[in-house]
Amino acid sequence: MADVFGLPEAGNREREAHAAKMKEFELRRKIRQVVVPTDDGKVRQLLRQLAEPVTLFGEREVSRSSGGGRRRGWSGASV
C-alpha cells in the first residue's frame, strides 16, 4: 500500500497567498470597470437616489463630480 503524504505547510501558505492576490486582482479589475458619472446633473440625480446630500458644506461642482469631498468608502458598485 502506498503512503499518502500531505502537502508541506509552505505549499499551503503559497496557495493561500496566491488566492489572496488573485482575489485582490479581481477586485481591482471590477473597480476599474465602474462607470462614474462626471456630469453634475447626473451626479446630483445619483446622490438623490442614494438619499445622500446633494451638496456638502463648501463643496463645488468639481468636488462633487470628482468625489473629492465624498471619500466615505462608497465606490458606486457592489463589488
Protein backbone atom coordinates (compact mmCIF):
# COMPACT_ATOMS: atom_id res chain seq x y z
CA MET A 1 0.00 0.00 0.00
CA ALA A 2 1.34 3.41 -0.92
CA ASP A 3 1.96 6.02 1.72
CA VAL A 4 -0.02 9.24 1.41
CA PHE A 5 1.92 12.40 2.07
CA GLY A 6 0.32 15.69 2.95
CA LEU A 7 1.45 18.85 1.28
CA PRO A 8 4.14 20.74 3.15
CA GLU A 9 2.97 23.73 5.14
CA ALA A 10 4.89 26.06 2.81
CA GLY A 11 2.77 24.83 -0.13
CA ASN A 12 -0.43 25.66 1.72
CA ARG A 13 0.82 29.14 2.59
CA GLU A 14 1.83 29.77 -1.03
CA ARG A 15 -1.57 28.62 -2.26
CA GLU A 16 -3.36 30.89 0.24
CA ALA A 17 -1.13 33.84 -0.71
CA HIS A 18 -1.82 33.21 -4.39
CA ALA A 19 -5.58 33.03 -3.76
CA ALA A 20 -5.47 36.32 -1.84
CA LYS A 21 -3.53 38.02 -4.65
CA MET A 22 -5.98 36.72 -7.25
CA LYS A 23 -8.93 37.96 -5.18
CA GLU A 24 -7.33 41.42 -4.91
CA PHE A 25 -6.59 41.42 -8.66
CA GLU A 26 -10.22 40.59 -9.48
CA LEU A 27 -11.46 43.29 -7.10
CA ARG A 28 -9.20 45.91 -8.70
CA ARG A 29 -10.36 44.80 -12.17
CA LYS A 30 -14.01 45.23 -11.15
CA ILE A 31 -13.31 48.65 -9.63
CA ARG A 32 -11.65 49.84 -12.87
CA GLN A 33 -14.79 48.85 -14.80
CA VAL A 34 -17.12 51.01 -12.69
CA VAL A 35 -18.57 53.90 -14.67
CA VAL A 36 -18.73 57.04 -12.53
CA PRO A 37 -20.73 59.98 -13.88
CA THR A 38 -18.97 63.34 -14.09
CA ASP A 39 -21.92 65.36 -15.40
CA ASP A 40 -23.15 67.48 -12.48
CA GLY A 41 -26.82 66.80 -13.20
CA LYS A 42 -26.26 63.03 -13.27
CA VAL A 43 -24.18 63.20 -10.11
CA ARG A 44 -26.95 65.11 -8.29
CA GLN A 45 -29.57 62.63 -9.51
CA LEU A 46 -27.50 59.67 -8.33
CA LEU A 47 -26.92 61.28 -4.93
CA ARG A 48 -30.67 61.85 -4.54
CA GLN A 49 -31.36 58.19 -5.42
CA LEU A 50 -28.90 57.16 -2.72
CA ALA A 51 -30.50 59.54 -0.19
CA GLU A 52 -27.17 61.36 0.13
CA PRO A 53 -26.86 65.14 0.49
CA VAL A 54 -26.58 66.77 -2.93
CA THR A 55 -24.13 69.43 -1.74
CA LEU A 56 -21.82 69.18 1.22
CA PHE A 57 -20.70 72.31 3.06
CA GLY A 58 -18.25 74.23 0.90
CA GLU A 59 -18.44 71.70 -1.93
CA ARG A 60 -18.43 72.90 -5.52
CA GLU A 61 -19.45 71.21 -8.73
CA VAL A 62 -15.93 69.92 -9.43
CA SER A 63 -15.59 68.39 -5.96
CA ARG A 64 -18.96 66.69 -6.26
CA SER A 65 -18.17 65.17 -9.67
CA SER A 66 -14.66 64.01 -8.84
CA GLY A 67 -15.60 62.67 -5.42
CA GLY A 68 -13.06 64.96 -3.77
CA GLY A 69 -15.34 65.82 -0.86
CA ARG A 70 -17.10 62.48 -0.71
CA ARG A 71 -14.47 59.94 0.20
CA ARG A 72 -16.65 57.93 2.56
CA GLY A 73 -15.96 54.49 1.14
CA TRP A 74 -18.76 54.32 -1.43
CA SER A 75 -17.49 53.31 -4.86
CA GLY A 76 -20.79 53.13 -6.67
CA ALA A 77 -20.68 49.40 -7.27
CA SER A 78 -21.38 46.33 -5.28
CA VAL A 79 -18.08 44.57 -5.66
